[in-house]
N, C-alpha and C. Protein backbone atom coordinates (compact mmCIF):
# COMPACT_ATOMS: atom_id res chain seq x y z
N MET A 1 18.32 28.77 143.65
CA MET A 1 20.31 29.42 144.77
C MET A 1 21.39 28.73 145.10
N ASP A 2 21.11 27.25 144.55
CA ASP A 2 21.66 26.17 144.97
C ASP A 2 23.18 26.19 143.43
N ILE A 3 22.42 26.38 142.45
CA ILE A 3 22.72 26.76 141.34
C ILE A 3 24.09 28.33 141.25
N GLU A 4 23.29 29.73 141.74
CA GLU A 4 23.83 31.25 142.17
C GLU A 4 24.99 30.87 142.97
N LYS A 5 25.04 29.69 143.81
CA LYS A 5 26.65 29.32 144.85
C LYS A 5 27.05 29.29 143.89
N ALA A 6 27.07 28.00 143.26
CA ALA A 6 27.89 27.42 142.15
C ALA A 6 28.86 28.68 141.81
N GLY A 7 27.89 29.32 141.14
CA GLY A 7 28.21 30.24 140.03
C GLY A 7 29.05 31.20 140.80
N SER A 8 28.94 31.50 141.86
CA SER A 8 29.52 32.25 142.86
C SER A 8 30.89 32.02 142.97
N ARG A 9 30.79 30.76 143.91
CA ARG A 9 32.25 29.71 144.18
C ARG A 9 33.29 29.71 142.82
N ARG A 10 32.62 29.87 141.31
CA ARG A 10 33.76 29.16 140.22
C ARG A 10 34.32 30.73 140.05
N GLU A 11 33.79 31.52 140.18
CA GLU A 11 34.08 33.15 140.04
C GLU A 11 35.76 33.34 141.33
N GLU A 12 35.18 32.66 142.25
CA GLU A 12 35.80 32.78 143.56
C GLU A 12 37.15 32.08 143.20
N GLU A 13 37.24 30.84 142.81
CA GLU A 13 38.58 30.25 142.52
C GLU A 13 39.24 29.87 141.06
N GLU A 14 38.33 30.74 140.14
CA GLU A 14 39.30 31.15 138.95
C GLU A 14 40.07 32.29 139.42
N PRO A 15 41.61 31.83 138.94
CA PRO A 15 42.72 32.70 139.39
C PRO A 15 41.92 34.84 137.97
N ILE A 16 42.32 35.35 138.51
CA ILE A 16 42.23 36.56 138.23
C ILE A 16 43.16 36.96 136.85
N VAL A 17 43.22 36.96 135.81
CA VAL A 17 43.77 37.19 134.52
C VAL A 17 43.83 38.72 134.05
N GLN A 18 44.88 39.28 134.45
CA GLN A 18 44.40 40.92 134.09
C GLN A 18 45.07 41.58 132.74
N LYS A 19 44.52 41.35 131.75
CA LYS A 19 44.65 41.14 129.77
C LYS A 19 45.56 42.79 129.97
N PRO A 20 46.52 42.77 129.21
CA PRO A 20 47.77 44.01 128.69
C PRO A 20 47.23 45.46 127.86
N ASN A 21 47.70 45.82 129.04
CA ASN A 21 47.26 47.42 128.31
C ASN A 21 47.22 47.66 126.85
N PRO A 22 46.42 47.48 125.78
CA PRO A 22 46.80 47.63 124.47
C PRO A 22 47.54 49.08 124.46
N LYS A 23 48.98 48.24 123.41
CA LYS A 23 50.20 49.56 123.16
C LYS A 23 49.24 51.01 122.40
N PRO A 24 50.17 51.84 122.73
CA PRO A 24 48.99 53.38 121.66
C PRO A 24 49.68 53.15 120.72
N LYS A 25 49.13 53.45 119.78
CA LYS A 25 49.01 53.46 118.46
C LYS A 25 49.74 54.38 118.07
N LEU A 26 50.85 54.79 117.64
CA LEU A 26 51.71 56.13 116.67
C LEU A 26 51.23 56.96 115.04
N ASP A 27 50.67 57.80 116.04
CA ASP A 27 50.73 58.19 114.15
C ASP A 27 51.97 59.12 113.86
N LYS A 28 51.66 58.28 112.77
CA LYS A 28 52.76 58.28 111.80
C LYS A 28 53.17 59.33 111.68
N GLY A 29 52.02 60.17 110.92
CA GLY A 29 52.16 60.84 110.16
C GLY A 29 51.96 62.41 110.78
N LYS A 30 51.79 63.05 112.30
CA LYS A 30 52.06 63.87 112.71
C LYS A 30 52.91 63.55 113.89
N GLY A 31 54.43 63.06 113.53
CA GLY A 31 55.40 63.00 114.96
C GLY A 31 56.10 63.87 115.54
N LYS A 32 56.24 64.03 115.66
CA LYS A 32 56.66 65.31 116.66
C LYS A 32 58.71 65.04 116.45
N ALA A 33 59.59 65.90 116.11
CA ALA A 33 60.97 66.12 115.56
C ALA A 33 61.52 66.15 116.91
N HIS A 34 62.61 65.34 117.79
CA HIS A 34 63.50 65.57 119.08
C HIS A 34 63.93 66.97 119.07
N VAL A 35 63.60 67.51 120.06
CA VAL A 35 64.28 68.80 120.19
C VAL A 35 65.88 68.91 121.32
N PHE A 36 66.83 69.21 120.29
CA PHE A 36 68.22 68.75 120.90
C PHE A 36 68.48 70.10 121.71
N ALA A 37 69.21 70.00 122.83
CA ALA A 37 69.40 71.40 123.73
C ALA A 37 70.65 71.72 123.21
N PRO A 38 71.13 73.36 122.94
CA PRO A 38 72.35 73.49 122.48
C PRO A 38 73.28 73.55 123.61
N PRO A 39 74.84 73.47 123.98
CA PRO A 39 75.09 73.36 124.28
C PRO A 39 75.29 74.74 125.55
N MET A 40 76.21 74.15 126.47
CA MET A 40 76.06 75.43 127.28
C MET A 40 76.85 76.43 126.66
N ASN A 41 78.20 76.31 126.31
CA ASN A 41 78.39 77.38 125.67
C ASN A 41 78.29 77.95 124.37
N TYR A 42 77.20 77.81 123.87
CA TYR A 42 76.46 78.21 122.97
C TYR A 42 76.36 79.62 122.68
N SER A 43 75.80 80.57 123.09
CA SER A 43 76.14 82.46 123.50
C SER A 43 76.91 82.67 123.22
N ARG A 44 78.11 81.77 123.90
CA ARG A 44 79.53 82.60 124.04
C ARG A 44 79.99 81.89 122.68
N ILE A 45 80.29 80.65 122.02
CA ILE A 45 80.34 80.85 120.55
C ILE A 45 79.48 81.71 119.83
N MET A 46 78.12 81.96 119.32
CA MET A 46 78.08 82.97 118.75
C MET A 46 78.39 83.76 118.73
N GLU A 47 78.65 84.76 119.75
CA GLU A 47 78.95 85.91 119.99
C GLU A 47 80.47 86.26 120.10
N LYS A 48 80.97 84.79 119.94
CA LYS A 48 82.55 85.17 119.67
C LYS A 48 82.75 85.24 118.33
N HIS A 49 81.82 83.94 117.33
CA HIS A 49 81.77 84.66 116.07
C HIS A 49 81.29 85.91 115.10
N LYS A 50 80.02 86.30 116.37
CA LYS A 50 80.17 87.74 115.85
C LYS A 50 81.17 88.79 115.78
N GLN A 51 81.80 88.61 116.75
CA GLN A 51 83.17 89.59 116.55
C GLN A 51 83.79 89.14 115.95
N GLU A 52 84.88 88.36 115.43
CA GLU A 52 85.37 87.85 114.71
C GLU A 52 84.59 88.56 113.14
N LYS A 53 83.28 87.55 113.02
CA LYS A 53 82.89 88.87 111.42
C LYS A 53 82.87 90.27 111.10
N VAL A 54 82.43 90.56 112.62
CA VAL A 54 83.12 92.28 113.12
C VAL A 54 84.45 93.07 113.06
N SER A 55 85.38 92.19 113.69
CA SER A 55 86.38 92.64 113.28
C SER A 55 87.69 92.78 111.82
N MET A 56 87.30 91.35 111.42
CA MET A 56 88.02 90.97 110.06
C MET A 56 88.14 92.09 108.82
N PRO A 57 86.47 92.78 108.24
CA PRO A 57 86.97 94.38 107.44
C PRO A 57 87.49 95.41 108.29
N GLY A 58 87.76 95.57 109.92
CA GLY A 58 87.90 96.23 110.53
C GLY A 58 89.62 95.92 110.46
N TRP A 59 90.43 95.26 110.57
CA TRP A 59 91.80 95.11 109.92
C TRP A 59 92.20 95.36 108.90
N LYS A 60 91.36 94.23 107.45
CA LYS A 60 91.65 94.18 106.64
C LYS A 60 91.52 95.78 106.29
N ARG A 61 90.18 97.14 106.65
CA ARG A 61 90.34 98.24 105.93
C ARG A 61 91.78 99.09 106.94
N GLY A 62 92.67 98.63 107.83
CA GLY A 62 93.49 99.16 108.31
C GLY A 62 94.81 98.91 107.29
N VAL A 63 95.27 97.52 107.27
CA VAL A 63 95.72 97.78 106.23
C VAL A 63 95.91 98.14 105.24
N ALA A 64 94.81 98.15 104.49
CA ALA A 64 94.57 98.64 102.67
C ALA A 64 95.03 100.14 103.54
N ILE A 65 94.37 101.06 104.79
CA ILE A 65 95.16 102.50 104.66
C ILE A 65 96.49 102.35 104.72
N VAL A 66 96.99 101.34 105.32
CA VAL A 66 98.96 101.68 105.55
C VAL A 66 99.53 100.86 104.08
N ASP A 67 98.36 100.46 103.24
CA ASP A 67 98.96 100.49 102.09
C ASP A 67 98.88 101.80 100.85
N PHE A 68 97.88 102.38 101.33
CA PHE A 68 97.63 103.77 100.34
C PHE A 68 99.05 104.36 100.95
N VAL A 69 98.87 104.95 101.81
CA VAL A 69 100.18 105.44 102.75
C VAL A 69 101.68 105.53 101.80
N LEU A 70 101.95 104.14 102.59
CA LEU A 70 103.24 103.44 101.28
C LEU A 70 103.05 103.63 100.05
N ARG A 71 101.95 103.44 99.66
CA ARG A 71 102.38 103.70 97.81
C ARG A 71 101.75 104.77 97.49
N LEU A 72 101.82 105.74 98.40
CA LEU A 72 101.92 107.07 98.18
C LEU A 72 103.00 107.63 97.91
N ILE A 73 103.87 107.43 99.34
CA ILE A 73 105.43 107.65 100.17
C ILE A 73 106.24 107.18 98.87
N ALA A 74 106.07 105.55 98.02
CA ALA A 74 106.49 105.17 96.93
C ALA A 74 106.69 105.94 95.58
N ALA A 75 105.69 105.84 95.49
CA ALA A 75 105.61 107.12 94.53
C ALA A 75 106.52 108.35 94.21
N ILE A 76 106.16 109.15 95.67
CA ILE A 76 107.44 110.46 95.81
C ILE A 76 108.29 109.65 95.77
N THR A 77 108.99 108.72 95.85
CA THR A 77 110.45 108.45 96.05
C THR A 77 110.68 108.10 94.49
N ALA A 78 110.33 106.92 94.13
CA ALA A 78 110.54 107.25 92.53
C ALA A 78 110.23 108.12 91.66
N MET A 79 109.64 108.57 92.14
CA MET A 79 109.85 110.71 91.23
C MET A 79 110.70 110.73 91.32
N ALA A 80 110.91 111.13 92.72
CA ALA A 80 111.99 112.08 92.89
C ALA A 80 113.64 111.19 92.43
N ALA A 81 113.26 109.86 92.47
CA ALA A 81 114.70 109.17 92.04
C ALA A 81 114.83 109.66 90.81
N ALA A 82 113.79 109.82 89.59
CA ALA A 82 113.76 109.85 88.41
C ALA A 82 114.16 111.27 87.97
N ALA A 83 113.51 111.76 88.70
CA ALA A 83 113.83 113.85 88.57
C ALA A 83 115.59 113.74 89.10
N LYS A 84 115.67 113.22 90.40
CA LYS A 84 117.37 113.23 90.58
C LYS A 84 118.76 113.00 89.83
N MET A 85 118.15 111.78 89.31
CA MET A 85 118.82 111.78 87.77
C MET A 85 118.90 112.15 87.25
N ALA A 86 118.06 112.71 86.26
CA ALA A 86 117.80 113.81 85.25
C ALA A 86 118.06 114.64 84.91
N THR A 87 118.19 115.31 86.67
CA THR A 87 119.08 117.07 86.67
C THR A 87 119.99 116.76 86.92
N THR A 88 121.11 115.49 87.27
CA THR A 88 121.75 116.04 87.82
C THR A 88 123.04 115.74 86.70
N GLU A 89 123.67 117.48 86.58
CA GLU A 89 125.03 117.15 85.68
C GLU A 89 126.13 118.29 85.92
N GLU A 90 127.06 117.84 85.58
CA GLU A 90 127.96 119.10 86.45
C GLU A 90 129.13 118.96 84.78
N THR A 91 129.32 120.35 84.69
CA THR A 91 130.60 120.76 83.49
C THR A 91 131.84 121.33 84.71
N LEU A 92 132.99 121.01 84.36
CA LEU A 92 134.56 121.46 84.77
C LEU A 92 134.88 122.67 84.00
N PRO A 93 135.06 123.80 84.98
CA PRO A 93 135.83 124.87 84.37
C PRO A 93 137.07 124.86 83.54
N PHE A 94 136.95 125.32 82.86
CA PHE A 94 138.42 125.15 82.25
C PHE A 94 138.79 126.61 81.43
N PHE A 95 140.34 126.48 80.66
CA PHE A 95 141.08 127.59 80.52
C PHE A 95 139.77 128.52 79.49
N THR A 96 139.28 127.73 78.63
CA THR A 96 138.52 128.45 77.57
C THR A 96 137.23 127.72 77.42
N GLN A 97 136.28 128.71 77.17
CA GLN A 97 134.75 128.23 77.05
C GLN A 97 134.59 126.59 76.00
N PHE A 98 135.65 126.97 74.99
CA PHE A 98 135.73 125.86 73.83
C PHE A 98 135.87 123.86 74.55
N LEU A 99 136.89 124.43 75.03
CA LEU A 99 137.13 123.46 75.79
C LEU A 99 136.93 122.57 77.10
N GLN A 100 136.06 122.13 77.02
CA GLN A 100 135.18 121.48 78.74
C GLN A 100 135.32 120.14 78.85
N PHE A 101 135.13 120.21 80.16
CA PHE A 101 134.57 118.67 80.38
C PHE A 101 132.74 118.64 81.27
N SER A 102 132.34 117.51 81.07
CA SER A 102 130.80 117.90 80.91
C SER A 102 130.25 116.48 81.57
N ALA A 103 129.53 115.98 82.76
CA ALA A 103 129.35 114.73 82.82
C ALA A 103 127.55 115.03 83.07
N ASP A 104 126.97 114.22 81.96
CA ASP A 104 124.94 114.13 82.66
C ASP A 104 125.15 112.21 82.45
N TYR A 105 123.61 112.22 83.20
CA TYR A 105 123.44 110.98 83.08
C TYR A 105 123.03 110.05 81.37
N THR A 106 123.17 110.65 80.67
CA THR A 106 122.90 110.17 78.91
C THR A 106 124.24 109.84 78.54
N ASP A 107 125.36 110.26 79.54
CA ASP A 107 126.80 109.68 78.46
C ASP A 107 126.88 108.17 79.01
N LEU A 108 125.94 107.60 80.07
CA LEU A 108 126.51 106.35 80.49
C LEU A 108 124.52 105.44 79.90
N PRO A 109 123.97 104.53 79.07
CA PRO A 109 122.91 103.86 79.40
C PRO A 109 122.80 103.46 80.41
N THR A 110 123.20 102.93 81.67
CA THR A 110 122.56 102.42 82.48
C THR A 110 121.82 103.40 83.44
N LEU A 111 122.28 104.55 83.51
CA LEU A 111 121.95 105.48 84.22
C LEU A 111 120.57 106.05 83.50
N SER A 112 120.71 106.45 82.23
CA SER A 112 119.55 106.49 81.22
C SER A 112 118.77 105.58 81.73
N SER A 113 118.46 104.55 81.19
CA SER A 113 117.83 102.97 81.72
C SER A 113 116.90 103.17 83.15
N PHE A 114 117.79 103.74 84.55
CA PHE A 114 117.38 104.05 85.63
C PHE A 114 116.35 105.37 85.61
N VAL A 115 116.62 105.70 84.66
CA VAL A 115 115.57 107.06 84.68
C VAL A 115 114.16 106.58 84.16
N VAL A 116 114.34 105.83 82.88
CA VAL A 116 113.28 105.38 82.40
C VAL A 116 112.11 104.14 83.93
N VAL A 117 113.19 103.49 84.24
CA VAL A 117 112.50 102.35 84.83
C VAL A 117 111.72 103.16 86.00
N ASN A 118 112.52 104.24 86.66
CA ASN A 118 111.66 104.99 87.99
C ASN A 118 110.76 105.61 87.71
N SER A 119 110.77 106.07 86.68
CA SER A 119 109.83 106.94 85.90
C SER A 119 108.14 106.21 85.46
N ILE A 120 108.64 105.02 84.77
CA ILE A 120 107.65 103.89 84.87
C ILE A 120 106.91 103.36 86.00
N VAL A 121 107.72 102.86 86.89
CA VAL A 121 107.50 102.75 87.81
C VAL A 121 107.11 103.85 88.97
N GLY A 122 106.77 105.03 89.13
CA GLY A 122 106.56 106.33 90.09
C GLY A 122 104.92 106.17 89.32
N GLY A 123 104.88 106.34 88.13
CA GLY A 123 103.75 106.58 87.03
C GLY A 123 102.50 105.07 88.07
N TYR A 124 103.39 103.85 87.44
CA TYR A 124 102.46 102.83 88.14
C TYR A 124 101.56 103.22 89.28
N LEU A 125 102.35 103.74 90.28
CA LEU A 125 102.18 104.01 91.61
C LEU A 125 101.21 104.54 92.10
N THR A 126 101.42 105.91 91.05
CA THR A 126 100.46 107.07 91.07
C THR A 126 98.85 106.74 90.75
N LEU A 127 98.80 105.59 89.79
CA LEU A 127 97.75 105.29 88.87
C LEU A 127 96.97 104.33 89.84
N SER A 128 97.96 103.40 90.42
CA SER A 128 97.23 102.12 91.43
C SER A 128 96.68 102.75 92.72
N LEU A 129 96.66 104.13 93.42
CA LEU A 129 95.87 104.43 93.94
C LEU A 129 94.34 104.34 94.11
N PRO A 130 94.03 104.44 93.28
CA PRO A 130 92.60 104.91 92.86
C PRO A 130 92.06 102.81 93.48
N PHE A 131 93.06 101.92 93.16
CA PHE A 131 92.80 100.48 93.42
C PHE A 131 92.96 100.36 95.09
N SER A 132 94.01 100.77 95.43
CA SER A 132 93.95 100.95 97.28
C SER A 132 92.88 101.60 97.77
N ILE A 133 92.39 102.73 97.47
CA ILE A 133 91.06 103.38 97.79
C ILE A 133 90.43 102.19 97.84
N VAL A 134 89.84 101.79 96.88
CA VAL A 134 89.27 100.57 96.60
C VAL A 134 88.84 99.86 97.27
N CYS A 135 90.18 99.56 97.64
CA CYS A 135 90.39 98.02 99.11
C CYS A 135 90.30 98.68 100.47
N ILE A 136 90.18 99.86 100.29
CA ILE A 136 90.20 100.44 101.68
C ILE A 136 88.35 100.71 101.98
N LEU A 137 87.75 101.06 100.54
CA LEU A 137 86.32 100.80 100.74
C LEU A 137 85.35 99.95 100.54
N ARG A 138 86.17 98.48 100.31
CA ARG A 138 85.58 97.09 100.47
C ARG A 138 86.65 96.43 100.87
N PRO A 139 86.95 96.30 101.79
CA PRO A 139 88.14 95.46 102.64
C PRO A 139 88.05 94.17 102.00
N LEU A 140 86.75 93.63 101.70
CA LEU A 140 87.34 92.06 101.50
C LEU A 140 87.27 91.85 99.99
N ALA A 141 87.29 92.64 99.15
CA ALA A 141 87.70 92.34 97.69
C ALA A 141 89.10 91.91 97.48
N VAL A 142 88.52 90.71 97.24
CA VAL A 142 89.97 90.07 96.17
C VAL A 142 90.70 90.77 95.47
N PRO A 143 90.06 90.52 94.17
CA PRO A 143 90.04 91.47 92.83
C PRO A 143 91.22 92.29 92.84
N PRO A 144 91.17 93.48 93.51
CA PRO A 144 91.71 94.78 93.29
C PRO A 144 92.80 94.39 94.13
N ARG A 145 92.91 93.51 95.05
CA ARG A 145 94.39 93.13 95.94
C ARG A 145 95.17 92.30 95.30
N LEU A 146 94.31 91.09 94.92
CA LEU A 146 95.47 90.28 93.51
C LEU A 146 96.31 91.03 92.47
N PHE A 147 95.47 91.96 92.04
CA PHE A 147 95.91 92.64 90.79
C PHE A 147 97.50 93.82 91.50
N LEU A 148 96.52 94.55 92.56
CA LEU A 148 97.76 95.44 92.63
C LEU A 148 99.09 93.66 93.66
N VAL A 149 99.23 92.84 94.11
CA VAL A 149 100.53 92.31 94.56
C VAL A 149 100.67 91.54 93.10
N LEU A 150 100.56 91.24 92.34
CA LEU A 150 101.19 90.99 91.26
C LEU A 150 101.97 91.69 90.21
N CYS A 151 101.12 93.50 90.28
CA CYS A 151 101.79 94.49 89.43
C CYS A 151 103.39 94.69 90.14
N ASP A 152 102.93 95.33 91.51
CA ASP A 152 103.47 95.26 92.38
C ASP A 152 105.22 94.62 92.72
N THR A 153 105.17 93.15 92.28
CA THR A 153 105.80 92.09 92.55
C THR A 153 106.28 92.53 91.24
N ALA A 154 106.33 92.84 90.07
CA ALA A 154 107.16 93.03 88.51
C ALA A 154 107.69 94.37 89.14
N MET A 155 106.62 95.13 89.53
CA MET A 155 107.58 96.49 89.93
C MET A 155 109.09 96.56 90.52
N MET A 156 108.42 95.98 91.63
CA MET A 156 109.94 95.49 92.63
C MET A 156 111.09 95.48 92.35
N GLY A 157 110.41 94.03 90.97
CA GLY A 157 112.52 93.58 90.41
C GLY A 157 112.18 94.51 89.35
N LEU A 158 111.70 95.32 88.91
CA LEU A 158 112.24 96.42 88.17
C LEU A 158 112.87 97.53 88.75
N THR A 159 112.56 97.74 89.55
CA THR A 159 113.51 98.53 90.99
C THR A 159 114.12 98.57 91.11
N MET A 160 114.36 97.11 91.70
CA MET A 160 115.46 96.29 91.97
C MET A 160 116.88 96.29 91.22
N ILE A 161 116.36 95.80 89.62
CA ILE A 161 117.58 95.44 88.64
C ILE A 161 118.26 96.89 88.48
N ALA A 162 117.19 98.22 88.41
CA ALA A 162 117.74 99.20 87.75
C ALA A 162 118.69 99.58 89.14
N ALA A 163 118.28 100.32 90.32
CA ALA A 163 118.90 100.55 90.99
C ALA A 163 119.99 99.64 91.32
N SER A 164 120.39 98.39 91.46
CA SER A 164 121.06 97.42 91.41
C SER A 164 122.22 97.83 90.25
N ALA A 165 122.46 97.83 88.96
CA ALA A 165 122.79 98.17 87.50
C ALA A 165 123.68 99.40 88.54
N SER A 166 122.82 100.60 88.58
CA SER A 166 123.49 102.02 89.24
C SER A 166 123.93 101.84 89.77
N ALA A 167 123.23 101.41 91.42
CA ALA A 167 124.75 101.90 92.32
C ALA A 167 125.71 101.16 92.04
N ALA A 168 126.35 99.77 91.38
CA ALA A 168 127.60 99.62 90.65
C ALA A 168 128.43 100.47 89.49
N ILE A 169 127.81 101.46 88.82
CA ILE A 169 127.96 102.17 87.91
C ILE A 169 128.25 103.99 88.56
N VAL A 170 127.99 104.31 89.94
CA VAL A 170 128.19 105.13 91.19
C VAL A 170 129.53 104.07 91.84
N TYR A 171 129.43 103.53 91.88
CA TYR A 171 130.60 103.02 93.13
C TYR A 171 131.71 102.72 92.46
N LEU A 172 131.84 102.50 91.05
CA LEU A 172 132.73 102.96 89.88
C LEU A 172 133.30 104.02 89.65
N ALA A 173 131.96 104.94 89.38
CA ALA A 173 132.66 106.52 89.93
C ALA A 173 133.67 107.09 90.95
N HIS A 174 133.09 106.69 92.06
CA HIS A 174 133.29 106.88 93.14
C HIS A 174 135.02 106.49 93.85
N ASN A 175 135.17 105.00 93.53
CA ASN A 175 136.43 104.31 93.91
C ASN A 175 137.21 103.50 92.65
N GLY A 176 136.71 104.04 91.09
CA GLY A 176 137.21 103.59 90.08
C GLY A 176 137.96 102.15 90.49
N ASN A 177 138.73 101.22 89.47
CA ASN A 177 139.00 99.78 89.24
C ASN A 177 140.34 99.97 88.47
N SER A 178 141.62 99.80 89.70
CA SER A 178 142.46 100.25 89.26
C SER A 178 143.18 98.59 87.67
N SER A 179 142.83 97.56 88.57
CA SER A 179 142.81 96.64 87.50
C SER A 179 142.21 96.84 85.93
N SER A 180 141.34 97.45 85.67
CA SER A 180 140.73 98.29 84.54
C SER A 180 141.28 99.40 84.21
N ASN A 181 141.86 100.42 85.02
CA ASN A 181 142.96 101.82 84.54
C ASN A 181 141.76 102.35 84.65
N TRP A 182 140.25 102.38 85.64
CA TRP A 182 139.79 103.43 85.38
C TRP A 182 139.58 104.19 86.40
N LEU A 183 139.90 105.08 86.75
CA LEU A 183 140.05 106.26 87.47
C LEU A 183 138.68 106.83 87.68
N PRO A 184 138.40 107.00 89.13
CA PRO A 184 137.65 107.47 90.14
C PRO A 184 137.31 108.81 89.93
N VAL A 185 136.34 108.89 88.98
CA VAL A 185 135.17 110.32 88.58
C VAL A 185 135.39 111.59 89.26
N CYS A 186 134.61 110.71 90.89
CA CYS A 186 133.73 111.66 91.25
C CYS A 186 135.04 113.14 91.93
N GLN A 187 136.62 112.65 92.20
CA GLN A 187 137.45 113.71 92.03
C GLN A 187 137.31 114.57 91.85
N GLN A 188 136.72 114.65 90.40
CA GLN A 188 136.52 115.89 89.54
C GLN A 188 134.98 116.32 89.31
N PHE A 189 134.01 115.46 89.64
CA PHE A 189 132.94 115.81 88.88
C PHE A 189 132.29 115.23 90.85
N GLY A 190 132.24 116.32 92.05
CA GLY A 190 132.03 115.91 92.96
C GLY A 190 130.30 116.10 92.98
N ASP A 191 129.91 117.19 92.78
CA ASP A 191 128.61 117.15 92.52
C ASP A 191 127.59 116.35 91.78
N PHE A 192 128.31 115.69 91.11
CA PHE A 192 127.46 115.07 90.09
C PHE A 192 127.32 113.70 90.54
N CYS A 193 127.81 113.23 91.18
CA CYS A 193 128.41 111.94 92.05
C CYS A 193 127.13 111.66 93.28
N GLN A 194 127.40 112.99 93.81
CA GLN A 194 126.30 112.70 94.78
C GLN A 194 125.34 113.03 94.07
N GLY A 195 124.70 113.91 93.64
CA GLY A 195 123.55 113.97 93.31
C GLY A 195 122.87 112.07 92.56
N THR A 196 123.80 111.25 91.63
CA THR A 196 123.60 110.23 91.48
C THR A 196 123.42 108.60 92.39
N SER A 197 124.67 109.34 93.45
CA SER A 197 124.43 109.01 94.53
C SER A 197 122.85 108.57 94.96
N GLY A 198 122.64 109.90 95.58
CA GLY A 198 121.11 110.27 96.31
C GLY A 198 120.05 109.38 95.69
N ALA A 199 120.01 109.39 93.96
CA ALA A 199 119.33 109.17 93.26
C ALA A 199 118.80 107.54 93.73
N VAL A 200 119.88 107.32 93.34
CA VAL A 200 120.34 105.60 93.89
C VAL A 200 119.90 105.11 95.24
N VAL A 201 120.11 105.75 95.92
CA VAL A 201 120.11 105.94 97.71
C VAL A 201 117.40 105.46 97.26
N ALA A 202 117.23 106.96 96.84
CA ALA A 202 115.94 106.78 96.79
C ALA A 202 115.02 105.53 95.84
N SER A 203 116.16 104.73 94.98
CA SER A 203 115.74 104.41 94.45
C SER A 203 115.39 102.83 95.01
N PHE A 204 116.55 102.55 95.61
CA PHE A 204 116.27 101.32 96.92
C PHE A 204 115.33 101.40 97.60
N ILE A 205 115.27 102.71 98.28
CA ILE A 205 114.29 103.17 99.14
C ILE A 205 112.17 102.76 98.92
N ALA A 206 112.42 103.22 97.15
CA ALA A 206 111.25 102.86 97.08
C ALA A 206 111.57 101.22 96.71
N ALA A 207 112.62 100.27 96.27
CA ALA A 207 112.28 98.99 96.30
C ALA A 207 111.41 98.53 97.17
N ALA A 208 112.32 98.77 98.48
CA ALA A 208 112.13 98.39 99.65
C ALA A 208 110.34 98.91 100.01
N LEU A 209 109.67 99.88 99.80
CA LEU A 209 108.35 99.80 100.46
C LEU A 209 107.62 99.21 99.19
N LEU A 210 108.13 98.88 98.02
CA LEU A 210 107.40 98.08 97.61
C LEU A 210 107.18 96.59 97.83
N MET A 211 108.67 96.13 98.46
CA MET A 211 108.96 94.42 98.81
C MET A 211 107.21 94.83 100.13
N VAL A 212 107.38 96.01 100.87
CA VAL A 212 106.82 95.95 102.09
C VAL A 212 104.72 95.34 101.67
N LEU A 213 104.89 96.71 100.09
CA LEU A 213 103.24 96.39 100.47
C LEU A 213 103.30 95.08 99.02
N VAL A 214 104.30 94.48 98.57
CA VAL A 214 103.78 93.27 98.51
C VAL A 214 103.29 91.66 99.87
N ILE A 215 104.35 92.68 101.10
CA ILE A 215 104.13 91.43 101.72
C ILE A 215 102.24 91.94 102.64
N LEU A 216 102.07 93.13 102.71
CA LEU A 216 100.81 93.36 103.29
C LEU A 216 99.42 93.09 102.11
N SER A 217 99.82 93.06 101.09
CA SER A 217 98.90 92.39 99.94
C SER A 217 98.61 90.91 99.87
N ALA A 218 99.81 90.76 100.20
CA ALA A 218 99.87 89.15 100.41
C ALA A 218 99.49 88.32 101.21
N PHE A 219 99.61 89.43 102.80
CA PHE A 219 98.71 88.68 104.14
C PHE A 219 97.35 88.47 103.93
N ALA A 220 97.11 90.24 103.53
CA ALA A 220 95.77 90.29 103.62
C ALA A 220 94.59 88.98 102.78
N LEU A 221 95.66 88.58 101.73
CA LEU A 221 95.11 87.71 100.80
C LEU A 221 95.05 86.57 101.59
N LYS A 222 95.78 86.14 102.58
CA LYS A 222 95.93 84.86 102.60
C LYS A 222 95.20 84.64 103.91
N ARG A 223 94.74 85.59 104.63
CA ARG A 223 93.49 86.07 105.69
C ARG A 223 91.87 85.90 105.30
N SER A 224 92.32 86.18 103.83
CA SER A 224 90.91 86.18 103.21
C SER A 224 90.12 84.73 102.69
N THR A 225 91.39 83.62 102.67
CA THR A 225 90.97 82.62 102.33
C THR A 225 90.86 81.69 103.16
C-alpha cells in the first residue's frame, strides 16, 4: 500500500510535459498547385478582346471595299484621259483643201507619252481589281495589299510626271511665251486646246485617286502589324 501511495505521489509532483504534435508529412508527389483568382474585370477584358477581334476584319473589309470603288473610278478616269487626248484633233478651214493647218497629239512627243502612260495606268488599275476583291474576301491578308501599295506608288509617280509635263505644254498653248516668241495657238485651235486641257485634268484626278489608294493601303498595313 505504501509503495502504491509513493508512486501516486511521484506522479502528482512531476510536471506534466506535453509532447509536440508531429509535423504532417508532405506528400511531394501529390502536391496541389495554387489557384489564383482572376481579376475583378477579367470578363470585361476578355469581352473587349473578343470585340476587337471581331471588329478588325470588319473595318479592314470596309477599307477594301472603298479601295475597290476608288480603283474602278481611277481606271475609268485614266482611260478616259488617254482616249480624250488620242481623239482630240482640229483642222482649220482655209481657202483651198491643199493648204490646211491641223493640230494633233502626235505633233508633240509629250502628248504622245501622255497617251501611252495613261493607257498603261488604266490597264494596270483594271488588272488590279481582282487583287482588290481578294482583299475584300480576306481582309487580314497582307501580301495582296503590299503588292497593291507598291504598284500604286509607281503608277502614281508615272501619272504625275505625264500630267505635269502635258500641263506645261497646254499652258504654253493657251498663253504662249513672249520671251521665246511662242504665240498662243489656242486662239486658232480652240477645240484642240479644250480637249487636251480636259485630258490633263482627268489625269490629275487619276493621280489624286492613286494617292488616296496608297494612303488607304498603307493605313491598313500599319494596323495589321
